[in-house]
Amino acid sequence: KGAERVADIVRELNSFARVDGERRDLCDLAVIVGRAQRIVAHRARHVAQISLEVGELPPLLTDPGRLEQVLVNLLVNAAQALEQMPAGKAGQIQVRASLVPDQRVLVEVLDNGPGIPAAILDRIFDPFFTTKPVGEGTGLGLSVCHGIVAQLGGRLTVESEPGRTRFALDLPLR
């Protein structure tokens, strides 16, 4: 089991390190967001309602597969956080995208979960950092997402408090 876990970690690191992030196409962000939502919908359906607010945006020059990978990871993390909600409280995940100044796009993934404790907030993008029990995560997801967004010329940031977590992807249009 240990060797399999190490092999999985190495595969994720190789995926993170690969150079094919240079492949860029003009993409409809609404399509990418919709695909990510559909991938996660089955997992999230028992803990949250996912809503999308992606208006009319110009085409985005990006690597659609890598951007989708980031969005899927953020949505899965939000769904996992909402699994910790008290019974009877409705979990909400919201994805919003809008055009911002300087020909940039802002994509936000918000949830109403328990939040990320302030004591660890500055470490969540560190490789191998995880709050999950042993065997349930490698601690690479957010680190890989941070690296992908940087390769795409953007920034990935987080704000969190109890009842509200917001991941923001600030991406160039071109």
N, C-alpha and C. Protein backbone atom coordinates (compact mmCIF):
# COMPACT_ATOMS: atom_id res chain seq x y z
N LYS A 1 0.83 -1.19 0.00
CA LYS A 1 0.00 0.00 0.00
C LYS A 1 0.87 1.25 0.00
N GLY A 2 1.92 1.21 0.77
CA GLY A 2 2.83 2.36 0.83
C GLY A 2 3.46 2.64 -0.52
N ALA A 3 3.89 1.59 -1.23
CA ALA A 3 4.51 1.77 -2.55
C ALA A 3 3.49 2.33 -3.55
N GLU A 4 2.24 1.86 -3.44
CA GLU A 4 1.21 2.38 -4.34
C GLU A 4 0.96 3.86 -4.06
N ARG A 5 0.96 4.24 -2.81
CA ARG A 5 0.76 5.65 -2.44
C ARG A 5 1.91 6.49 -2.99
N VAL A 6 3.13 6.04 -2.85
CA VAL A 6 4.28 6.77 -3.39
C VAL A 6 4.18 6.87 -4.90
N ALA A 7 3.78 5.79 -5.57
CA ALA A 7 3.62 5.82 -7.03
C ALA A 7 2.56 6.85 -7.44
N ASP A 8 1.47 6.92 -6.69
CA ASP A 8 0.43 7.91 -6.97
C ASP A 8 0.98 9.33 -6.80
N ILE A 9 1.75 9.55 -5.76
CA ILE A 9 2.34 10.87 -5.52
C ILE A 9 3.27 11.24 -6.66
N VAL A 10 4.10 10.31 -7.09
CA VAL A 10 5.03 10.57 -8.19
C VAL A 10 4.27 10.89 -9.47
N ARG A 11 3.20 10.15 -9.74
CA ARG A 11 2.38 10.45 -10.93
C ARG A 11 1.81 11.86 -10.86
N GLU A 12 1.30 12.25 -9.70
CA GLU A 12 0.76 13.60 -9.55
C GLU A 12 1.84 14.65 -9.73
N LEU A 13 3.00 14.40 -9.17
CA LEU A 13 4.10 15.36 -9.33
C LEU A 13 4.53 15.46 -10.79
N ASN A 14 4.59 14.33 -11.49
CA ASN A 14 4.93 14.36 -12.91
C ASN A 14 3.89 15.13 -13.70
N SER A 15 2.64 14.94 -13.37
CA SER A 15 1.57 15.68 -14.03
C SER A 15 1.73 17.17 -13.78
N PHE A 16 2.07 17.53 -12.54
CA PHE A 16 2.26 18.92 -12.18
C PHE A 16 3.45 19.52 -12.92
N ALA A 17 4.50 18.75 -13.09
CA ALA A 17 5.73 19.25 -13.68
C ALA A 17 5.72 19.26 -15.20
N ARG A 18 4.76 18.60 -15.81
CA ARG A 18 4.80 18.49 -17.26
C ARG A 18 4.69 19.87 -17.91
N VAL A 19 5.25 19.99 -19.09
CA VAL A 19 5.37 21.27 -19.76
C VAL A 19 4.21 21.51 -20.73
N ASP A 20 3.32 20.56 -20.91
CA ASP A 20 2.27 20.73 -21.91
C ASP A 20 1.24 21.78 -21.52
N GLY A 21 1.46 22.46 -20.38
CA GLY A 21 0.61 23.56 -20.00
C GLY A 21 0.73 24.73 -20.98
N GLU A 22 1.65 24.63 -21.92
CA GLU A 22 1.82 25.68 -22.92
C GLU A 22 0.78 25.58 -24.01
N ARG A 23 0.01 24.49 -24.06
CA ARG A 23 -1.04 24.35 -25.08
C ARG A 23 -2.19 25.25 -24.70
N ARG A 24 -2.49 26.19 -25.58
CA ARG A 24 -3.57 27.13 -25.31
C ARG A 24 -4.53 27.19 -26.49
N ASP A 25 -5.81 27.27 -26.18
CA ASP A 25 -6.85 27.41 -27.19
C ASP A 25 -7.81 28.49 -26.72
N LEU A 26 -8.51 29.11 -27.68
CA LEU A 26 -9.60 30.03 -27.32
C LEU A 26 -10.76 29.17 -26.84
N CYS A 27 -11.24 29.43 -25.63
CA CYS A 27 -12.25 28.58 -25.00
C CYS A 27 -13.39 29.41 -24.44
N ASP A 28 -14.54 28.78 -24.37
CA ASP A 28 -15.70 29.36 -23.72
C ASP A 28 -15.64 28.92 -22.25
N LEU A 29 -15.41 29.88 -21.36
CA LEU A 29 -15.27 29.56 -19.95
C LEU A 29 -16.52 28.89 -19.39
N ALA A 30 -17.69 29.27 -19.89
CA ALA A 30 -18.93 28.66 -19.41
C ALA A 30 -18.95 27.15 -19.68
N VAL A 31 -18.38 26.74 -20.80
CA VAL A 31 -18.31 25.31 -21.14
C VAL A 31 -17.38 24.58 -20.16
N ILE A 32 -16.24 25.18 -19.87
CA ILE A 32 -15.27 24.56 -18.95
C ILE A 32 -15.88 24.44 -17.55
N VAL A 33 -16.52 25.51 -17.08
CA VAL A 33 -17.15 25.49 -15.76
C VAL A 33 -18.27 24.44 -15.73
N GLY A 34 -19.06 24.38 -16.78
CA GLY A 34 -20.14 23.40 -16.84
C GLY A 34 -19.64 21.97 -16.80
N ARG A 35 -18.55 21.70 -17.52
CA ARG A 35 -17.98 20.34 -17.49
C ARG A 35 -17.49 19.99 -16.10
N ALA A 36 -16.81 20.93 -15.45
CA ALA A 36 -16.30 20.68 -14.09
C ALA A 36 -17.46 20.40 -13.14
N GLN A 37 -18.52 21.18 -13.26
CA GLN A 37 -19.69 20.98 -12.40
C GLN A 37 -20.31 19.62 -12.62
N ARG A 38 -20.42 19.19 -13.87
CA ARG A 38 -21.01 17.87 -14.15
C ARG A 38 -20.15 16.74 -13.60
N ILE A 39 -18.84 16.89 -13.65
CA ILE A 39 -17.94 15.87 -13.12
C ILE A 39 -18.14 15.70 -11.62
N VAL A 40 -18.35 16.79 -10.92
CA VAL A 40 -18.44 16.77 -9.46
C VAL A 40 -19.88 16.59 -8.96
N ALA A 41 -20.86 16.80 -9.81
CA ALA A 41 -22.27 16.82 -9.39
C ALA A 41 -22.67 15.57 -8.61
N HIS A 42 -22.28 14.40 -9.08
CA HIS A 42 -22.67 13.16 -8.41
C HIS A 42 -22.12 13.10 -6.99
N ARG A 43 -20.86 13.50 -6.83
CA ARG A 43 -20.24 13.45 -5.51
C ARG A 43 -20.86 14.48 -4.57
N ALA A 44 -21.21 15.64 -5.11
CA ALA A 44 -21.69 16.74 -4.27
C ALA A 44 -23.19 16.69 -3.99
N ARG A 45 -23.93 15.90 -4.74
CA ARG A 45 -25.39 15.99 -4.67
C ARG A 45 -25.98 15.74 -3.29
N HIS A 46 -25.31 14.97 -2.45
CA HIS A 46 -25.86 14.69 -1.12
C HIS A 46 -25.48 15.75 -0.09
N VAL A 47 -24.52 16.61 -0.43
CA VAL A 47 -24.07 17.58 0.56
C VAL A 47 -24.27 19.03 0.14
N ALA A 48 -24.49 19.28 -1.16
CA ALA A 48 -24.57 20.67 -1.59
C ALA A 48 -25.31 20.83 -2.90
N GLN A 49 -25.81 22.02 -3.07
CA GLN A 49 -26.34 22.44 -4.36
C GLN A 49 -25.26 23.31 -4.99
N ILE A 50 -24.94 23.03 -6.25
CA ILE A 50 -23.93 23.82 -6.97
C ILE A 50 -24.66 24.76 -7.92
N SER A 51 -24.37 26.05 -7.80
CA SER A 51 -24.95 27.02 -8.71
C SER A 51 -23.83 27.69 -9.52
N LEU A 52 -24.15 27.99 -10.77
CA LEU A 52 -23.18 28.60 -11.68
C LEU A 52 -23.68 29.97 -12.11
N GLU A 53 -22.82 30.97 -12.04
CA GLU A 53 -23.12 32.30 -12.52
C GLU A 53 -21.99 32.72 -13.46
N VAL A 54 -22.11 32.30 -14.69
CA VAL A 54 -21.09 32.62 -15.69
C VAL A 54 -21.80 33.36 -16.81
N GLY A 55 -21.61 34.65 -16.85
CA GLY A 55 -22.27 35.46 -17.86
C GLY A 55 -21.55 35.40 -19.20
N GLU A 56 -21.95 36.30 -20.07
CA GLU A 56 -21.31 36.41 -21.39
C GLU A 56 -19.89 36.93 -21.20
N LEU A 57 -18.94 36.12 -21.58
CA LEU A 57 -17.54 36.51 -21.49
C LEU A 57 -16.89 36.30 -22.85
N PRO A 58 -15.88 37.11 -23.16
CA PRO A 58 -15.15 36.84 -24.40
C PRO A 58 -14.39 35.52 -24.27
N PRO A 59 -14.02 34.90 -25.39
CA PRO A 59 -13.24 33.66 -25.31
C PRO A 59 -11.95 33.86 -24.51
N LEU A 60 -11.60 32.85 -23.78
CA LEU A 60 -10.42 32.86 -22.92
C LEU A 60 -9.34 32.02 -23.58
N LEU A 61 -8.13 32.56 -23.71
CA LEU A 61 -7.01 31.81 -24.28
C LEU A 61 -6.35 31.06 -23.12
N THR A 62 -6.58 29.76 -23.06
CA THR A 62 -6.10 28.97 -21.93
C THR A 62 -5.96 27.51 -22.33
N ASP A 63 -5.48 26.71 -21.42
CA ASP A 63 -5.45 25.27 -21.58
C ASP A 63 -6.72 24.75 -20.91
N PRO A 64 -7.73 24.38 -21.69
CA PRO A 64 -9.02 24.02 -21.10
C PRO A 64 -8.95 22.82 -20.16
N GLY A 65 -8.14 21.83 -20.48
CA GLY A 65 -8.03 20.65 -19.63
C GLY A 65 -7.43 20.96 -18.28
N ARG A 66 -6.40 21.78 -18.27
CA ARG A 66 -5.75 22.13 -16.99
C ARG A 66 -6.66 23.02 -16.15
N LEU A 67 -7.35 23.97 -16.80
CA LEU A 67 -8.27 24.83 -16.06
C LEU A 67 -9.42 24.01 -15.49
N GLU A 68 -9.93 23.07 -16.25
CA GLU A 68 -10.98 22.18 -15.75
C GLU A 68 -10.48 21.37 -14.56
N GLN A 69 -9.24 20.90 -14.62
CA GLN A 69 -8.64 20.15 -13.50
C GLN A 69 -8.65 21.01 -12.23
N VAL A 70 -8.30 22.28 -12.34
CA VAL A 70 -8.30 23.18 -11.18
C VAL A 70 -9.72 23.32 -10.63
N LEU A 71 -10.68 23.58 -11.51
CA LEU A 71 -12.06 23.77 -11.06
C LEU A 71 -12.63 22.51 -10.43
N VAL A 72 -12.35 21.35 -11.00
CA VAL A 72 -12.82 20.09 -10.41
C VAL A 72 -12.24 19.93 -9.01
N ASN A 73 -10.97 20.18 -8.85
CA ASN A 73 -10.34 20.03 -7.54
C ASN A 73 -10.97 20.98 -6.52
N LEU A 74 -11.19 22.23 -6.92
CA LEU A 74 -11.79 23.19 -5.99
C LEU A 74 -13.22 22.80 -5.63
N LEU A 75 -13.98 22.30 -6.59
CA LEU A 75 -15.35 21.87 -6.32
C LEU A 75 -15.38 20.63 -5.42
N VAL A 76 -14.49 19.68 -5.67
CA VAL A 76 -14.43 18.49 -4.81
C VAL A 76 -14.04 18.89 -3.39
N ASN A 77 -13.07 19.77 -3.25
CA ASN A 77 -12.67 20.23 -1.91
C ASN A 77 -13.84 20.90 -1.19
N ALA A 78 -14.60 21.73 -1.93
CA ALA A 78 -15.76 22.39 -1.32
C ALA A 78 -16.79 21.35 -0.87
N ALA A 79 -17.06 20.37 -1.72
CA ALA A 79 -18.01 19.31 -1.36
C ALA A 79 -17.53 18.54 -0.13
N GLN A 80 -16.25 18.25 -0.06
CA GLN A 80 -15.71 17.55 1.10
C GLN A 80 -15.85 18.38 2.37
N ALA A 81 -15.63 19.68 2.26
CA ALA A 81 -15.80 20.56 3.43
C ALA A 81 -17.24 20.57 3.89
N LEU A 82 -18.16 20.54 2.93
CA LEU A 82 -19.59 20.58 3.27
C LEU A 82 -20.08 19.27 3.88
N GLU A 83 -19.33 18.20 3.73
CA GLU A 83 -19.68 16.93 4.38
C GLU A 83 -19.65 17.08 5.90
N GLN A 84 -18.94 18.10 6.38
CA GLN A 84 -18.80 18.33 7.82
C GLN A 84 -19.91 19.23 8.38
N MET A 85 -20.86 19.63 7.54
CA MET A 85 -21.93 20.53 7.97
C MET A 85 -22.86 19.80 8.93
N PRO A 86 -23.42 20.54 9.88
CA PRO A 86 -24.41 19.92 10.78
C PRO A 86 -25.64 19.48 9.99
N ALA A 87 -26.26 18.42 10.45
CA ALA A 87 -27.47 17.91 9.79
C ALA A 87 -28.52 19.01 9.74
N GLY A 88 -29.18 19.09 8.61
CA GLY A 88 -30.24 20.08 8.44
C GLY A 88 -29.78 21.39 7.85
N LYS A 89 -28.49 21.64 7.80
CA LYS A 89 -27.99 22.89 7.18
C LYS A 89 -27.64 22.59 5.73
N ALA A 90 -28.21 23.37 4.82
CA ALA A 90 -28.02 23.14 3.39
C ALA A 90 -26.66 23.67 2.93
N GLY A 91 -25.91 22.79 2.29
CA GLY A 91 -24.63 23.19 1.74
C GLY A 91 -24.82 23.88 0.39
N GLN A 92 -24.05 24.92 0.17
CA GLN A 92 -24.11 25.68 -1.09
C GLN A 92 -22.70 25.85 -1.64
N ILE A 93 -22.57 25.57 -2.92
CA ILE A 93 -21.32 25.85 -3.65
C ILE A 93 -21.72 26.73 -4.81
N GLN A 94 -20.99 27.79 -4.98
CA GLN A 94 -21.29 28.73 -6.06
C GLN A 94 -20.03 28.96 -6.88
N VAL A 95 -20.19 28.93 -8.20
CA VAL A 95 -19.09 29.28 -9.11
C VAL A 95 -19.54 30.53 -9.86
N ARG A 96 -18.75 31.58 -9.76
CA ARG A 96 -19.04 32.84 -10.45
C ARG A 96 -17.85 33.21 -11.33
N ALA A 97 -18.16 33.75 -12.48
CA ALA A 97 -17.10 34.22 -13.37
C ALA A 97 -17.50 35.56 -13.95
N SER A 98 -16.55 36.47 -14.00
CA SER A 98 -16.83 37.80 -14.52
C SER A 98 -15.57 38.41 -15.12
N LEU A 99 -15.79 39.37 -15.98
CA LEU A 99 -14.69 40.12 -16.58
C LEU A 99 -14.28 41.21 -15.59
N VAL A 100 -13.00 41.37 -15.37
CA VAL A 100 -12.49 42.41 -14.48
C VAL A 100 -11.52 43.28 -15.26
N PRO A 101 -11.14 44.44 -14.72
CA PRO A 101 -10.24 45.35 -15.46
C PRO A 101 -8.95 44.68 -15.93
N ASP A 102 -8.34 45.31 -16.90
CA ASP A 102 -7.06 44.86 -17.47
C ASP A 102 -7.19 43.56 -18.25
N GLN A 103 -8.35 43.34 -18.89
CA GLN A 103 -8.57 42.16 -19.72
C GLN A 103 -8.27 40.86 -18.96
N ARG A 104 -8.90 40.76 -17.81
CA ARG A 104 -8.74 39.58 -16.97
C ARG A 104 -10.11 39.01 -16.63
N VAL A 105 -10.11 37.75 -16.25
CA VAL A 105 -11.32 37.06 -15.84
C VAL A 105 -11.13 36.62 -14.39
N LEU A 106 -12.17 36.81 -13.61
CA LEU A 106 -12.16 36.36 -12.22
C LEU A 106 -13.15 35.21 -12.11
N VAL A 107 -12.66 34.07 -11.65
CA VAL A 107 -13.50 32.90 -11.41
C VAL A 107 -13.43 32.63 -9.91
N GLU A 108 -14.61 32.59 -9.27
CA GLU A 108 -14.68 32.38 -7.84
C GLU A 108 -15.42 31.08 -7.54
N VAL A 109 -14.89 30.32 -6.60
CA VAL A 109 -15.56 29.12 -6.10
C VAL A 109 -15.80 29.38 -4.61
N LEU A 110 -17.08 29.48 -4.25
CA LEU A 110 -17.46 29.82 -2.88
C LEU A 110 -18.27 28.69 -2.27
N ASP A 111 -18.11 28.50 -0.96
CA ASP A 111 -18.96 27.53 -0.26
C ASP A 111 -19.31 28.07 1.12
N ASN A 112 -20.35 27.54 1.71
CA ASN A 112 -20.80 27.97 3.03
C ASN A 112 -20.45 26.95 4.11
N GLY A 113 -19.35 26.26 3.91
CA GLY A 113 -18.90 25.23 4.84
C GLY A 113 -18.26 25.80 6.09
N PRO A 114 -17.58 24.94 6.84
CA PRO A 114 -17.03 25.35 8.13
C PRO A 114 -15.87 26.33 8.04
N GLY A 115 -15.31 26.50 6.85
CA GLY A 115 -14.19 27.41 6.69
C GLY A 115 -12.86 26.71 6.95
N ILE A 116 -11.80 27.39 6.60
CA ILE A 116 -10.45 26.89 6.81
C ILE A 116 -9.89 27.63 8.02
N PRO A 117 -9.42 26.92 9.03
CA PRO A 117 -8.89 27.60 10.21
C PRO A 117 -7.77 28.58 9.85
N ALA A 118 -7.81 29.75 10.47
CA ALA A 118 -6.82 30.80 10.20
C ALA A 118 -5.39 30.29 10.42
N ALA A 119 -5.20 29.39 11.37
CA ALA A 119 -3.86 28.89 11.69
C ALA A 119 -3.22 28.12 10.54
N ILE A 120 -4.02 27.60 9.62
CA ILE A 120 -3.44 26.82 8.51
C ILE A 120 -3.65 27.47 7.15
N LEU A 121 -4.37 28.58 7.11
CA LEU A 121 -4.73 29.20 5.84
C LEU A 121 -3.52 29.51 4.97
N ASP A 122 -2.43 29.95 5.58
CA ASP A 122 -1.24 30.30 4.79
C ASP A 122 -0.44 29.08 4.33
N ARG A 123 -0.85 27.87 4.71
CA ARG A 123 -0.12 26.65 4.33
C ARG A 123 -0.85 25.80 3.31
N ILE A 124 -2.10 26.13 2.97
CA ILE A 124 -2.90 25.20 2.17
C ILE A 124 -2.39 24.99 0.75
N PHE A 125 -1.57 25.90 0.23
CA PHE A 125 -1.01 25.70 -1.11
C PHE A 125 0.36 25.00 -1.06
N ASP A 126 0.84 24.67 0.14
CA ASP A 126 2.13 23.99 0.27
C ASP A 126 2.00 22.53 -0.18
N PRO A 127 3.01 22.04 -0.94
CA PRO A 127 2.98 20.62 -1.33
C PRO A 127 2.96 19.71 -0.10
N PHE A 128 2.16 18.67 -0.18
CA PHE A 128 2.03 17.63 0.84
C PHE A 128 1.33 18.09 2.12
N PHE A 129 0.80 19.32 2.14
CA PHE A 129 0.04 19.74 3.31
C PHE A 129 -1.40 19.26 3.16
N THR A 130 -1.90 18.57 4.16
CA THR A 130 -3.28 18.10 4.13
C THR A 130 -3.84 18.06 5.54
N THR A 131 -5.14 18.22 5.62
CA THR A 131 -5.83 18.07 6.90
C THR A 131 -6.59 16.75 6.94
N LYS A 132 -6.48 15.99 5.86
CA LYS A 132 -7.21 14.72 5.75
C LYS A 132 -6.47 13.63 6.51
N PRO A 133 -7.21 12.61 6.95
CA PRO A 133 -6.56 11.49 7.63
C PRO A 133 -5.58 10.77 6.70
N VAL A 134 -4.63 10.07 7.29
CA VAL A 134 -3.65 9.31 6.53
C VAL A 134 -4.38 8.35 5.58
N GLY A 135 -3.93 8.33 4.34
CA GLY A 135 -4.52 7.45 3.34
C GLY A 135 -5.67 8.07 2.57
N GLU A 136 -6.07 9.29 2.92
CA GLU A 136 -7.20 9.93 2.23
C GLU A 136 -6.80 11.14 1.41
N GLY A 137 -5.56 11.36 1.20
CA GLY A 137 -5.14 12.50 0.40
C GLY A 137 -3.64 12.64 0.43
N THR A 138 -3.11 13.20 -0.63
CA THR A 138 -1.66 13.37 -0.72
C THR A 138 -1.22 14.76 -0.30
N GLY A 139 -2.15 15.70 -0.22
CA GLY A 139 -1.78 17.07 0.08
C GLY A 139 -1.22 17.79 -1.13
N LEU A 140 -1.49 17.26 -2.32
CA LEU A 140 -0.97 17.89 -3.53
C LEU A 140 -2.01 18.67 -4.32
N GLY A 141 -3.29 18.45 -4.06
CA GLY A 141 -4.34 19.04 -4.88
C GLY A 141 -4.25 20.55 -5.02
N LEU A 142 -4.25 21.26 -3.90
CA LEU A 142 -4.21 22.72 -3.98
C LEU A 142 -2.86 23.24 -4.44
N SER A 143 -1.80 22.52 -4.10
CA SER A 143 -0.47 22.91 -4.58
C SER A 143 -0.41 22.81 -6.11
N VAL A 144 -0.93 21.72 -6.64
CA VAL A 144 -0.96 21.52 -8.09
C VAL A 144 -1.83 22.60 -8.74
N CYS A 145 -2.99 22.87 -8.15
CA CYS A 145 -3.87 23.92 -8.69
C CYS A 145 -3.17 25.27 -8.72
N HIS A 146 -2.49 25.60 -7.65
CA HIS A 146 -1.76 26.87 -7.57
C HIS A 146 -0.72 26.95 -8.69
N GLY A 147 -0.01 25.86 -8.91
CA GLY A 147 1.00 25.83 -9.96
C GLY A 147 0.39 25.93 -11.36
N ILE A 148 -0.71 25.25 -11.59
CA ILE A 148 -1.38 25.31 -12.90
C ILE A 148 -1.84 26.73 -13.19
N VAL A 149 -2.49 27.35 -12.21
CA VAL A 149 -2.98 28.72 -12.42
C VAL A 149 -1.81 29.66 -12.69
N ALA A 150 -0.70 29.49 -12.00
CA ALA A 150 0.48 30.32 -12.26
C ALA A 150 1.00 30.08 -13.68
N GLN A 151 1.02 28.81 -14.14
CA GLN A 151 1.46 28.51 -15.50
C GLN A 151 0.54 29.14 -16.53
N LEU A 152 -0.72 29.32 -16.19
CA LEU A 152 -1.68 29.94 -17.10
C LEU A 152 -1.62 31.47 -17.03
N GLY A 153 -0.69 31.99 -16.23
CA GLY A 153 -0.51 33.44 -16.13
C GLY A 153 -1.41 34.10 -15.11
N GLY A 154 -1.98 33.30 -14.21
CA GLY A 154 -2.92 33.85 -13.25
C GLY A 154 -2.47 33.70 -11.81
N ARG A 155 -3.42 33.99 -10.92
CA ARG A 155 -3.18 33.85 -9.48
C ARG A 155 -4.35 33.11 -8.86
N LEU A 156 -4.06 32.26 -7.89
CA LEU A 156 -5.09 31.56 -7.13
C LEU A 156 -4.94 32.01 -5.68
N THR A 157 -6.02 32.57 -5.13
CA THR A 157 -5.99 33.04 -3.75
C THR A 157 -7.17 32.45 -2.99
N VAL A 158 -7.11 32.56 -1.67
CA VAL A 158 -8.18 32.03 -0.82
C VAL A 158 -8.46 33.01 0.31
N GLU A 159 -9.74 33.10 0.67
CA GLU A 159 -10.19 33.81 1.86
C GLU A 159 -11.15 32.86 2.56
N SER A 160 -11.08 32.81 3.89
CA SER A 160 -11.97 31.90 4.59
C SER A 160 -12.25 32.37 6.00
N GLU A 161 -13.46 32.08 6.41
CA GLU A 161 -13.92 32.28 7.78
C GLU A 161 -15.03 31.27 8.00
N PRO A 162 -15.43 31.02 9.23
CA PRO A 162 -16.51 30.06 9.44
C PRO A 162 -17.76 30.45 8.64
N GLY A 163 -18.26 29.50 7.86
CA GLY A 163 -19.46 29.73 7.06
C GLY A 163 -19.20 30.28 5.67
N ARG A 164 -17.94 30.54 5.32
CA ARG A 164 -17.66 31.10 3.99
C ARG A 164 -16.20 30.87 3.61
N THR A 165 -16.00 30.19 2.48
CA THR A 165 -14.67 30.05 1.90
C THR A 165 -14.76 30.48 0.44
N ARG A 166 -13.78 31.25 0.00
CA ARG A 166 -13.76 31.78 -1.37
C ARG A 166 -12.38 31.56 -1.97
N PHE A 167 -12.34 30.73 -3.02
CA PHE A 167 -11.13 30.61 -3.84
C PHE A 167 -11.35 31.47 -5.06
N ALA A 168 -10.35 32.26 -5.42
CA ALA A 168 -10.45 33.16 -6.56
C ALA A 168 -9.32 32.89 -7.55
N LEU A 169 -9.70 32.67 -8.80
CA LEU A 169 -8.73 32.50 -9.90
C LEU A 169 -8.78 33.78 -10.72
N ASP A 170 -7.69 34.48 -10.79
CA ASP A 170 -7.58 35.70 -11.59
C ASP A 170 -6.74 35.32 -12.80
N LEU A 171 -7.37 35.30 -13.98
CA LEU A 171 -6.72 34.79 -15.19
C LEU A 171 -6.71 35.84 -16.29
N PRO A 172 -5.65 35.88 -17.10
CA PRO A 172 -5.65 36.78 -18.25
C PRO A 172 -6.57 36.23 -19.35
N LEU A 173 -7.21 37.15 -20.09
CA LEU A 173 -8.02 36.70 -21.23
C LEU A 173 -7.14 36.11 -22.32
N ARG A 174 -5.96 36.67 -22.51
CA ARG A 174 -5.06 36.22 -23.57
C ARG A 174 -3.69 35.94 -23.02
